[in-house]
Amino acid sequence: MLSTDEFNSEKGKQAFQDYDTRKYVLESIRYVDLVVPEQSWEDKSLYIDMFDVDIFVMGADWKGKFDFLKEEFPNLKIMYFPRGKVSSTNIKKEIGKLYSTKDE
């Protein structure tokens, strides 16, 4: 599941890359079987059931927030991985600084 740009907006977030680019990157990873658009919080349970998901992976900043899924899907393995060293939030801040100093 990959949050669509619209769903990210509802969550008050904006990805550095658009949905199609992020999807392309994920699909290029050989361990990824399928990337589906997440358009709401409810999509997680729906897709886990629909696609018989056995491993659910999130960033470590979400640790514990999706453990409730084990109640509905006892065989689901939930994994929380540390975020990479590259942060889209930091990239956006740095770009913002570059543009703000040009105006001065």
PDB file of N, CA and C in Angstrom:
ATOM      1  N   MET A   1       0.830  -1.170   0.000  1.00  0.00           N
ATOM      2  CA  MET A   1       0.000   0.000   0.000  1.00  0.00           C
ATOM      3  C   MET A   1       0.877   1.235   0.000  1.00  0.00           C
ATOM      4  N   LEU A   2       0.552   2.137  -0.868  1.00  0.00           N
ATOM      5  CA  LEU A   2       1.284   3.390  -0.979  1.00  0.00           C
ATOM      6  C   LEU A   2       0.264   4.520  -0.977  1.00  0.00           C
ATOM      7  N   SER A   3       0.407   5.420  -0.029  1.00  0.00           N
ATOM      8  CA  SER A   3      -0.544   6.531   0.076  1.00  0.00           C
ATOM      9  C   SER A   3      -0.547   7.362  -1.198  1.00  0.00           C
ATOM     10  N   THR A   4      -1.746   7.644  -1.684  1.00  0.00           N
ATOM     11  CA  THR A   4      -1.878   8.518  -2.847  1.00  0.00           C
ATOM     12  C   THR A   4      -1.553   9.948  -2.423  1.00  0.00           C
ATOM     13  N   ASP A   5      -1.317  10.805  -3.392  1.00  0.00           N
ATOM     14  CA  ASP A   5      -1.055  12.212  -3.096  1.00  0.00           C
ATOM     15  C   ASP A   5      -2.255  12.835  -2.384  1.00  0.00           C
ATOM     16  N   GLU A   6      -3.459  12.432  -2.795  1.00  0.00           N
ATOM     17  CA  GLU A   6      -4.677  12.974  -2.190  1.00  0.00           C
ATOM     18  C   GLU A   6      -4.806  12.546  -0.725  1.00  0.00           C
ATOM     19  N   PHE A   7      -4.511  11.268  -0.443  1.00  0.00           N
ATOM     20  CA  PHE A   7      -4.595  10.785   0.936  1.00  0.00           C
ATOM     21  C   PHE A   7      -3.522  11.449   1.793  1.00  0.00           C
ATOM     22  N   ASN A   8      -2.332  11.615   1.249  1.00  0.00           N
ATOM     23  CA  ASN A   8      -1.289  12.337   1.980  1.00  0.00           C
ATOM     24  C   ASN A   8      -1.758  13.742   2.334  1.00  0.00           C
ATOM     25  N   SER A   9      -2.424  14.395   1.398  1.00  0.00           N
ATOM     26  CA  SER A   9      -2.936  15.740   1.643  1.00  0.00           C
ATOM     27  C   SER A   9      -3.946  15.740   2.792  1.00  0.00           C
ATOM     28  N   GLU A  10      -4.833  14.740   2.815  1.00  0.00           N
ATOM     29  CA  GLU A  10      -5.801  14.615   3.914  1.00  0.00           C
ATOM     30  C   GLU A  10      -5.097  14.444   5.253  1.00  0.00           C
ATOM     31  N   LYS A  11      -3.928  13.784   5.238  1.00  0.00           N
ATOM     32  CA  LYS A  11      -3.158  13.553   6.462  1.00  0.00           C
ATOM     33  C   LYS A  11      -2.283  14.755   6.806  1.00  0.00           C
ATOM     34  N   GLY A  12      -2.319  15.786   5.961  1.00  0.00           N
ATOM     35  CA  GLY A  12      -1.496  16.968   6.194  1.00  0.00           C
ATOM     36  C   GLY A  12      -0.046  16.776   5.788  1.00  0.00           C
ATOM     37  N   LYS A  13       0.187  15.839   4.872  1.00  0.00           N
ATOM     38  CA  LYS A  13       1.553  15.553   4.428  1.00  0.00           C
ATOM     39  C   LYS A  13       1.661  15.772   2.924  1.00  0.00           C
ATOM     40  N   GLN A  14       2.880  16.003   2.470  1.00  0.00           N
ATOM     41  CA  GLN A  14       3.131  16.103   1.037  1.00  0.00           C
ATOM     42  C   GLN A  14       4.446  15.399   0.744  1.00  0.00           C
ATOM     43  N   ALA A  15       4.390  14.394  -0.095  1.00  0.00           N
ATOM     44  CA  ALA A  15       5.594  13.648  -0.465  1.00  0.00           C
ATOM     45  C   ALA A  15       6.460  14.490  -1.397  1.00  0.00           C
ATOM     46  N   PHE A  16       7.748  14.243  -1.352  1.00  0.00           N
ATOM     47  CA  PHE A  16       8.684  14.958  -2.226  1.00  0.00           C
ATOM     48  C   PHE A  16       8.447  14.570  -3.677  1.00  0.00           C
ATOM     49  N   GLN A  17       8.115  13.296  -3.921  1.00  0.00           N
ATOM     50  CA  GLN A  17       7.834  12.809  -5.269  1.00  0.00           C
ATOM     51  C   GLN A  17       6.353  12.468  -5.372  1.00  0.00           C
ATOM     52  N   ASP A  18       5.805  12.550  -6.583  1.00  0.00           N
ATOM     53  CA  ASP A  18       4.394  12.231  -6.751  1.00  0.00           C
ATOM     54  C   ASP A  18       4.159  10.717  -6.640  1.00  0.00           C
ATOM     55  N   TYR A  19       2.894  10.355  -6.551  1.00  0.00           N
ATOM     56  CA  TYR A  19       2.515   8.951  -6.349  1.00  0.00           C
ATOM     57  C   TYR A  19       3.119   8.036  -7.421  1.00  0.00           C
ATOM     58  N   ASP A  20       2.978   8.412  -8.684  1.00  0.00           N
ATOM     59  CA  ASP A  20       3.456   7.538  -9.767  1.00  0.00           C
ATOM     60  C   ASP A  20       4.958   7.284  -9.679  1.00  0.00           C
ATOM     61  N   THR A  21       5.719   8.299  -9.316  1.00  0.00           N
ATOM     62  CA  THR A  21       7.168   8.130  -9.183  1.00  0.00           C
ATOM     63  C   THR A  21       7.490   7.214  -8.009  1.00  0.00           C
ATOM     64  N   ARG A  22       6.830   7.442  -6.869  1.00  0.00           N
ATOM     65  CA  ARG A  22       7.071   6.597  -5.694  1.00  0.00           C
ATOM     66  C   ARG A  22       6.670   5.154  -5.975  1.00  0.00           C
ATOM     67  N   LYS A  23       5.567   4.970  -6.702  1.00  0.00           N
ATOM     68  CA  LYS A  23       5.114   3.621  -7.052  1.00  0.00           C
ATOM     69  C   LYS A  23       6.146   2.930  -7.946  1.00  0.00           C
ATOM     70  N   TYR A  24       6.652   3.650  -8.921  1.00  0.00           N
ATOM     71  CA  TYR A  24       7.662   3.103  -9.836  1.00  0.00           C
ATOM     72  C   TYR A  24       8.896   2.630  -9.066  1.00  0.00           C
ATOM     73  N   VAL A  25       9.342   3.441  -8.116  1.00  0.00           N
ATOM     74  CA  VAL A  25      10.518   3.083  -7.311  1.00  0.00           C
ATOM     75  C   VAL A  25      10.240   1.812  -6.522  1.00  0.00           C
ATOM     76  N   LEU A  26       9.094   1.737  -5.864  1.00  0.00           N
ATOM     77  CA  LEU A  26       8.765   0.545  -5.072  1.00  0.00           C
ATOM     78  C   LEU A  26       8.636  -0.697  -5.945  1.00  0.00           C
ATOM     79  N   GLU A  27       8.016  -0.541  -7.112  1.00  0.00           N
ATOM     80  CA  GLU A  27       7.844  -1.693  -8.006  1.00  0.00           C
ATOM     81  C   GLU A  27       9.177  -2.218  -8.537  1.00  0.00           C
ATOM     82  N   SER A  28      10.198  -1.390  -8.505  1.00  0.00           N
ATOM     83  CA  SER A  28      11.505  -1.831  -8.998  1.00  0.00           C
ATOM     84  C   SER A  28      12.257  -2.677  -7.965  1.00  0.00           C
ATOM     85  N   ILE A  29      11.749  -2.751  -6.748  1.00  0.00           N
ATOM     86  CA  ILE A  29      12.384  -3.560  -5.700  1.00  0.00           C
ATOM     87  C   ILE A  29      11.931  -5.003  -5.879  1.00  0.00           C
ATOM     88  N   ARG A  30      12.864  -5.896  -6.026  1.00  0.00           N
ATOM     89  CA  ARG A  30      12.509  -7.279  -6.370  1.00  0.00           C
ATOM     90  C   ARG A  30      11.691  -7.983  -5.290  1.00  0.00           C
ATOM     91  N   TYR A  31      11.739  -7.519  -4.067  1.00  0.00           N
ATOM     92  CA  TYR A  31      10.989  -8.164  -2.988  1.00  0.00           C
ATOM     93  C   TYR A  31       9.548  -7.661  -2.889  1.00  0.00           C
ATOM     94  N   VAL A  32       9.220  -6.638  -3.650  1.00  0.00           N
ATOM     95  CA  VAL A  32       7.867  -6.078  -3.632  1.00  0.00           C
ATOM     96  C   VAL A  32       7.035  -6.793  -4.688  1.00  0.00           C
ATOM     97  N   ASP A  33       5.951  -7.436  -4.236  1.00  0.00           N
ATOM     98  CA  ASP A  33       5.084  -8.174  -5.158  1.00  0.00           C
ATOM     99  C   ASP A  33       4.085  -7.267  -5.866  1.00  0.00           C
ATOM    100  N   LEU A  34       3.557  -6.296  -5.128  1.00  0.00           N
ATOM    101  CA  LEU A  34       2.471  -5.479  -5.663  1.00  0.00           C
ATOM    102  C   LEU A  34       2.409  -4.164  -4.900  1.00  0.00           C
ATOM    103  N   VAL A  35       2.150  -3.072  -5.614  1.00  0.00           N
ATOM    104  CA  VAL A  35       1.939  -1.768  -4.990  1.00  0.00           C
ATOM    105  C   VAL A  35       0.522  -1.335  -5.328  1.00  0.00           C
ATOM    106  N   VAL A  36      -0.274  -1.079  -4.298  1.00  0.00           N
ATOM    107  CA  VAL A  36      -1.659  -0.648  -4.510  1.00  0.00           C
ATOM    108  C   VAL A  36      -1.859   0.712  -3.847  1.00  0.00           C
ATOM    109  N   PRO A  37      -2.748   1.542  -4.411  1.00  0.00           N
ATOM    110  CA  PRO A  37      -2.952   2.882  -3.863  1.00  0.00           C
ATOM    111  C   PRO A  37      -3.757   2.857  -2.562  1.00  0.00           C
ATOM    112  N   GLU A  38      -3.203   3.485  -1.545  1.00  0.00           N
ATOM    113  CA  GLU A  38      -3.928   3.630  -0.282  1.00  0.00           C
ATOM    114  C   GLU A  38      -4.618   4.993  -0.309  1.00  0.00           C
ATOM    115  N   GLN A  39      -5.957   4.955  -0.267  1.00  0.00           N
ATOM    116  CA  GLN A  39      -6.733   6.185  -0.369  1.00  0.00           C
ATOM    117  C   GLN A  39      -7.433   6.559   0.931  1.00  0.00           C
ATOM    118  N   SER A  40      -7.360   5.649   1.929  1.00  0.00           N
ATOM    119  CA  SER A  40      -7.962   5.920   3.238  1.00  0.00           C
ATOM    120  C   SER A  40      -7.321   4.999   4.267  1.00  0.00           C
ATOM    121  N   TRP A  41      -7.518   5.312   5.557  1.00  0.00           N
ATOM    122  CA  TRP A  41      -6.974   4.465   6.624  1.00  0.00           C
ATOM    123  C   TRP A  41      -7.562   3.060   6.558  1.00  0.00           C
ATOM    124  N   GLU A  42      -8.814   2.937   6.129  1.00  0.00           N
ATOM    125  CA  GLU A  42      -9.495   1.645   6.075  1.00  0.00           C
ATOM    126  C   GLU A  42      -8.909   0.717   5.016  1.00  0.00           C
ATOM    127  N   ASP A  43      -8.212   1.275   4.047  1.00  0.00           N
ATOM    128  CA  ASP A  43      -7.640   0.462   2.971  1.00  0.00           C
ATOM    129  C   ASP A  43      -6.668  -0.593   3.487  1.00  0.00           C
ATOM    130  N   LYS A  44      -5.996  -0.323   4.605  1.00  0.00           N
ATOM    131  CA  LYS A  44      -5.011  -1.282   5.115  1.00  0.00           C
ATOM    132  C   LYS A  44      -5.653  -2.644   5.363  1.00  0.00           C
ATOM    133  N   SER A  45      -6.713  -2.673   6.168  1.00  0.00           N
ATOM    134  CA  SER A  45      -7.393  -3.943   6.466  1.00  0.00           C
ATOM    135  C   SER A  45      -7.978  -4.560   5.206  1.00  0.00           C
ATOM    136  N   LEU A  46      -8.573  -3.733   4.370  1.00  0.00           N
ATOM    137  CA  LEU A  46      -9.185  -4.215   3.129  1.00  0.00           C
ATOM    138  C   LEU A  46      -8.153  -4.923   2.254  1.00  0.00           C
ATOM    139  N   TYR A  47      -7.003  -4.281   2.028  1.00  0.00           N
ATOM    140  CA  TYR A  47      -5.982  -4.854   1.154  1.00  0.00           C
ATOM    141  C   TYR A  47      -5.267  -6.044   1.784  1.00  0.00           C
ATOM    142  N   ILE A  48      -5.061  -6.002   3.096  1.00  0.00           N
ATOM    143  CA  ILE A  48      -4.433  -7.150   3.768  1.00  0.00           C
ATOM    144  C   ILE A  48      -5.281  -8.388   3.545  1.00  0.00           C
ATOM    145  N   ASP A  49      -6.591  -8.222   3.660  1.00  0.00           N
ATOM    146  CA  ASP A  49      -7.515  -9.334   3.446  1.00  0.00           C
ATOM    147  C   ASP A  49      -7.593  -9.708   1.963  1.00  0.00           C
ATOM    148  N   MET A  50      -7.781  -8.719   1.112  1.00  0.00           N
ATOM    149  CA  MET A  50      -7.979  -8.948  -0.324  1.00  0.00           C
ATOM    150  C   MET A  50      -6.780  -9.628  -0.982  1.00  0.00           C
ATOM    151  N   PHE A  51      -5.574  -9.218  -0.596  1.00  0.00           N
ATOM    152  CA  PHE A  51      -4.367  -9.727  -1.246  1.00  0.00           C
ATOM    153  C   PHE A  51      -3.612 -10.740  -0.390  1.00  0.00           C
ATOM    154  N   ASP A  52      -4.233 -11.171   0.696  1.00  0.00           N
ATOM    155  CA  ASP A  52      -3.637 -12.174   1.586  1.00  0.00           C
ATOM    156  C   ASP A  52      -2.199 -11.792   1.963  1.00  0.00           C
ATOM    157  N   VAL A  53      -2.055 -10.562   2.439  1.00  0.00           N
ATOM    158  CA  VAL A  53      -0.741 -10.025   2.814  1.00  0.00           C
ATOM    159  C   VAL A  53      -0.202 -10.801   4.005  1.00  0.00           C
ATOM    160  N   ASP A  54       1.071 -11.176   3.946  1.00  0.00           N
ATOM    161  CA  ASP A  54       1.665 -11.898   5.074  1.00  0.00           C
ATOM    162  C   ASP A  54       2.693 -11.065   5.832  1.00  0.00           C
ATOM    163  N   ILE A  55       3.235 -10.025   5.179  1.00  0.00           N
ATOM    164  CA  ILE A  55       4.190  -9.134   5.843  1.00  0.00           C
ATOM    165  C   ILE A  55       3.756  -7.691   5.612  1.00  0.00           C
ATOM    166  N   PHE A  56       3.666  -6.942   6.693  1.00  0.00           N
ATOM    167  CA  PHE A  56       3.258  -5.537   6.665  1.00  0.00           C
ATOM    168  C   PHE A  56       4.426  -4.715   7.197  1.00  0.00           C
ATOM    169  N   VAL A  57       4.941  -3.789   6.392  1.00  0.00           N
ATOM    170  CA  VAL A  57       6.141  -3.031   6.759  1.00  0.00           C
ATOM    171  C   VAL A  57       5.819  -1.542   6.828  1.00  0.00           C
ATOM    172  N   MET A  58       6.291  -0.921   7.913  1.00  0.00           N
ATOM    173  CA  MET A  58       6.133   0.524   8.093  1.00  0.00           C
ATOM    174  C   MET A  58       7.440   1.087   8.623  1.00  0.00           C
ATOM    175  N   GLY A  59       7.578   2.413   8.562  1.00  0.00           N
ATOM    176  CA  GLY A  59       8.739   3.070   9.152  1.00  0.00           C
ATOM    177  C   GLY A  59       8.672   3.000  10.668  1.00  0.00           C
ATOM    178  N   ALA A  60       9.831   3.020  11.295  1.00  0.00           N
ATOM    179  CA  ALA A  60       9.919   2.891  12.754  1.00  0.00           C
ATOM    180  C   ALA A  60       9.180   4.007  13.482  1.00  0.00           C
ATOM    181  N   ASP A  61       8.977   5.141  12.821  1.00  0.00           N
ATOM    182  CA  ASP A  61       8.240   6.226  13.461  1.00  0.00           C
ATOM    183  C   ASP A  61       6.766   5.865  13.682  1.00  0.00           C
ATOM    184  N   TRP A  62       6.301   4.800  13.067  1.00  0.00           N
ATOM    185  CA  TRP A  62       4.932   4.306  13.248  1.00  0.00           C
ATOM    186  C   TRP A  62       4.879   3.131  14.227  1.00  0.00           C
ATOM    187  N   LYS A  63       5.991   2.805  14.865  1.00  0.00           N
ATOM    188  CA  LYS A  63       6.089   1.614  15.724  1.00  0.00           C
ATOM    189  C   LYS A  63       4.918   1.535  16.704  1.00  0.00           C
ATOM    190  N   GLY A  64       4.254   0.377  16.660  1.00  0.00           N
ATOM    191  CA  GLY A  64       3.140   0.107  17.558  1.00  0.00           C
ATOM    192  C   GLY A  64       1.792   0.610  17.081  1.00  0.00           C
ATOM    193  N   LYS A  65       1.770   1.535  16.127  1.00  0.00           N
ATOM    194  CA  LYS A  65       0.512   2.154  15.696  1.00  0.00           C
ATOM    195  C   LYS A  65      -0.385   1.203  14.893  1.00  0.00           C
ATOM    196  N   PHE A  66       0.201   0.143  14.332  1.00  0.00           N
ATOM    197  CA  PHE A  66      -0.589  -0.784  13.523  1.00  0.00           C
ATOM    198  C   PHE A  66      -0.610  -2.192  14.101  1.00  0.00           C
ATOM    199  N   ASP A  67      -0.172  -2.323  15.343  1.00  0.00           N
ATOM    200  CA  ASP A  67      -0.188  -3.635  15.994  1.00  0.00           C
ATOM    201  C   ASP A  67      -1.604  -4.186  16.141  1.00  0.00           C
ATOM    202  N   PHE A  68      -2.601  -3.299  16.133  1.00  0.00           N
ATOM    203  CA  PHE A  68      -3.996  -3.733  16.231  1.00  0.00           C
ATOM    204  C   PHE A  68      -4.392  -4.651  15.073  1.00  0.00           C
ATOM    205  N   LEU A  69      -3.672  -4.572  13.964  1.00  0.00           N
ATOM    206  CA  LEU A  69      -3.986  -5.421  12.812  1.00  0.00           C
ATOM    207  C   LEU A  69      -3.790  -6.901  13.129  1.00  0.00           C
ATOM    208  N   LYS A  70      -2.938  -7.206  14.112  1.00  0.00           N
ATOM    209  CA  LYS A  70      -2.698  -8.603  14.510  1.00  0.00           C
ATOM    210  C   LYS A  70      -3.966  -9.236  15.072  1.00  0.00           C
ATOM    211  N   GLU A  71      -4.860  -8.422  15.647  1.00  0.00           N
ATOM    212  CA  GLU A  71      -6.119  -8.952  16.174  1.00  0.00           C
ATOM    213  C   GLU A  71      -6.986  -9.499  15.045  1.00  0.00           C
ATOM    214  N   GLU A  72      -7.046  -8.761  13.955  1.00  0.00           N
ATOM    215  CA  GLU A  72      -7.857  -9.168  12.801  1.00  0.00           C
ATOM    216  C   GLU A  72      -7.133 -10.190  11.923  1.00  0.00           C
ATOM    217  N   PHE A  73      -5.802 -10.096  11.884  1.00  0.00           N
ATOM    218  CA  PHE A  73      -4.990 -10.967  11.031  1.00  0.00           C
ATOM    219  C   PHE A  73      -3.862 -11.571  11.871  1.00  0.00           C
ATOM    220  N   PRO A  74      -4.151 -12.626  12.651  1.00  0.00           N
ATOM    221  CA  PRO A  74      -3.157 -13.174  13.582  1.00  0.00           C
ATOM    222  C   PRO A  74      -1.876 -13.695  12.928  1.00  0.00           C
ATOM    223  N   ASN A  75      -1.923 -14.071  11.662  1.00  0.00           N
ATOM    224  CA  ASN A  75      -0.726 -14.588  10.986  1.00  0.00           C
ATOM    225  C   ASN A  75       0.105 -13.492  10.312  1.00  0.00           C
ATOM    226  N   LEU A  76      -0.367 -12.258  10.389  1.00  0.00           N
ATOM    227  CA  LEU A  76       0.320 -11.135   9.760  1.00  0.00           C
ATOM    228  C   LEU A  76       1.597 -10.801  10.535  1.00  0.00           C
ATOM    229  N   LYS A  77       2.696 -10.692   9.813  1.00  0.00           N
ATOM    230  CA  LYS A  77       3.956 -10.270  10.437  1.00  0.00           C
ATOM    231  C   LYS A  77       4.091  -8.766  10.211  1.00  0.00           C
ATOM    232  N   ILE A  78       4.170  -8.011  11.303  1.00  0.00           N
ATOM    233  CA  ILE A  78       4.299  -6.559  11.220  1.00  0.00           C
ATOM    234  C   ILE A  78       5.743  -6.190  11.537  1.00  0.00           C
ATOM    235  N   MET A  79       6.346  -5.436  10.636  1.00  0.00           N
ATOM    236  CA  MET A  79       7.748  -5.047  10.804  1.00  0.00           C
ATOM    237  C   MET A  79       7.862  -3.528  10.709  1.00  0.00           C
ATOM    238  N   TYR A  80       8.634  -2.956  11.625  1.00  0.00           N
ATOM    239  CA  TYR A  80       8.885  -1.516  11.623  1.00  0.00           C
ATOM    240  C   TYR A  80      10.377  -1.300  11.370  1.00  0.00           C
ATOM    241  N   PHE A  81      10.701  -0.648  10.270  1.00  0.00           N
ATOM    242  CA  PHE A  81      12.098  -0.428   9.898  1.00  0.00           C
ATOM    243  C   PHE A  81      12.506   1.020  10.142  1.00  0.00           C
ATOM    244  N   PRO A  82      13.780   1.216  10.510  1.00  0.00           N
ATOM    245  CA  PRO A  82      14.258   2.592  10.675  1.00  0.00           C
ATOM    246  C   PRO A  82      14.213   3.327   9.338  1.00  0.00           C
ATOM    247  N   ARG A  83      13.965   4.596   9.422  1.00  0.00           N
ATOM    248  CA  ARG A  83      13.961   5.418   8.209  1.00  0.00           C
ATOM    249  C   ARG A  83      15.381   5.553   7.691  1.00  0.00           C
ATOM    250  N   GLY A  84      15.500   5.772   6.395  1.00  0.00           N
ATOM    251  CA  GLY A  84      16.819   5.978   5.806  1.00  0.00           C
ATOM    252  C   GLY A  84      17.400   7.319   6.225  1.00  0.00           C
ATOM    253  N   LYS A  85      18.624   7.544   5.854  1.00  0.00           N
ATOM    254  CA  LYS A  85      19.290   8.790   6.222  1.00  0.00           C
ATOM    255  C   LYS A  85      18.790   9.970   5.399  1.00  0.00           C
ATOM    256  N   VAL A  86      18.206   9.688   4.247  1.00  0.00           N
ATOM    257  CA  VAL A  86      17.671  10.760   3.412  1.00  0.00           C
ATOM    258  C   VAL A  86      16.231  11.022   3.842  1.00  0.00           C
ATOM    259  N   SER A  87      15.948  12.262   4.159  1.00  0.00           N
ATOM    260  CA  SER A  87      14.614  12.648   4.614  1.00  0.00           C
ATOM    261  C   SER A  87      14.019  13.642   3.631  1.00  0.00           C
ATOM    262  N   SER A  88      12.851  13.312   3.078  1.00  0.00           N
ATOM    263  CA  SER A  88      12.212  14.246   2.145  1.00  0.00           C
ATOM    264  C   SER A  88      11.841  15.538   2.866  1.00  0.00           C
ATOM    265  N   THR A  89      11.528  15.450   4.154  1.00  0.00           N
ATOM    266  CA  THR A  89      11.219  16.655   4.929  1.00  0.00           C
ATOM    267  C   THR A  89      12.435  17.570   4.968  1.00  0.00           C
ATOM    268  N   ASN A  90      13.609  16.998   5.229  1.00  0.00           N
ATOM    269  CA  ASN A  90      14.830  17.813   5.257  1.00  0.00           C
ATOM    270  C   ASN A  90      15.177  18.368   3.879  1.00  0.00           C
ATOM    271  N   ILE A  91      14.955  17.579   2.839  1.00  0.00           N
ATOM    272  CA  ILE A  91      15.216  18.058   1.476  1.00  0.00           C
ATOM    273  C   ILE A  91      14.336  19.269   1.187  1.00  0.00           C
ATOM    274  N   LYS A  92      13.050  19.172   1.533  1.00  0.00           N
ATOM    275  CA  LYS A  92      12.132  20.290   1.291  1.00  0.00           C
ATOM    276  C   LYS A  92      12.552  21.526   2.085  1.00  0.00           C
ATOM    277  N   LYS A  93      13.007  21.335   3.325  1.00  0.00           N
ATOM    278  CA  LYS A  93      13.467  22.473   4.137  1.00  0.00           C
ATOM    279  C   LYS A  93      14.673  23.147   3.491  1.00  0.00           C
ATOM    280  N   GLU A  94      15.624  22.339   3.016  1.00  0.00           N
ATOM    281  CA  GLU A  94      16.827  22.891   2.393  1.00  0.00           C
ATOM    282  C   GLU A  94      16.491  23.640   1.104  1.00  0.00           C
ATOM    283  N   ILE A  95      15.588  23.091   0.317  1.00  0.00           N
ATOM    284  CA  ILE A  95      15.164  23.772  -0.913  1.00  0.00           C
ATOM    285  C   ILE A  95      14.482  25.084  -0.555  1.00  0.00           C
ATOM    286  N   GLY A  96      13.648  25.051   0.483  1.00  0.00           N
ATOM    287  CA  GLY A  96      12.987  26.270   0.949  1.00  0.00           C
ATOM    288  C   GLY A  96      13.986  27.333   1.366  1.00  0.00           C
ATOM    289  N   LYS A  97      15.051  26.918   2.050  1.00  0.00           N
ATOM    290  CA  LYS A  97      16.097  27.867   2.467  1.00  0.00           C
ATOM    291  C   LYS A  97      16.776  28.489   1.247  1.00  0.00           C
ATOM    292  N   LEU A  98      17.047  27.665   0.243  1.00  0.00           N
ATOM    293  CA  LEU A  98      17.698  28.175  -0.964  1.00  0.00           C
ATOM    294  C   LEU A  98      16.860  29.258  -1.628  1.00  0.00           C
ATOM    295  N   TYR A  99      15.569  29.010  -1.737  1.00  0.00           N
ATOM    296  CA  TYR A  99      14.697  29.976  -2.394  1.00  0.00           C
ATOM    297  C   TYR A  99      14.471  31.210  -1.544  1.00  0.00           C
ATOM    298  N   SER A 100      14.425  31.044  -0.225  1.00  0.00           N
ATOM    299  CA  SER A 100      14.190  32.207   0.638  1.00  0.00           C
ATOM    300  C   SER A 100      15.407  33.130   0.663  1.00  0.00           C
ATOM    301  N   THR A 101      16.617  32.591   0.532  1.00  0.00           N
ATOM    302  CA  THR A 101      17.809  33.443   0.528  1.00  0.00           C
ATOM    303  C   THR A 101      17.981  34.156  -0.809  1.00  0.00           C
ATOM    304  N   LYS A 102      17.428  33.618  -1.876  1.00  0.00           N
ATOM    305  CA  LYS A 102      17.513  34.277  -3.187  1.00  0.00           C
ATOM    306  C   LYS A 102      16.657  35.539  -3.214  1.00  0.00           C
ATOM    307  N   ASP A 103      15.579  35.550  -2.419  1.00  0.00           N
ATOM    308  CA  ASP A 103      14.671  36.695  -2.402  1.00  0.00           C
ATOM    309  C   ASP A 103      15.223  37.849  -1.573  1.00  0.00           C
ATOM    310  N   GLU A 104      16.220  37.594  -0.754  1.00  0.00           N
ATOM    311  CA  GLU A 104      16.744  38.634   0.149  1.00  0.00           C
ATOM    312  C   GLU A 104      17.694  39.563  -0.552  1.00  0.00           C
TER     313      GLU A 104
END
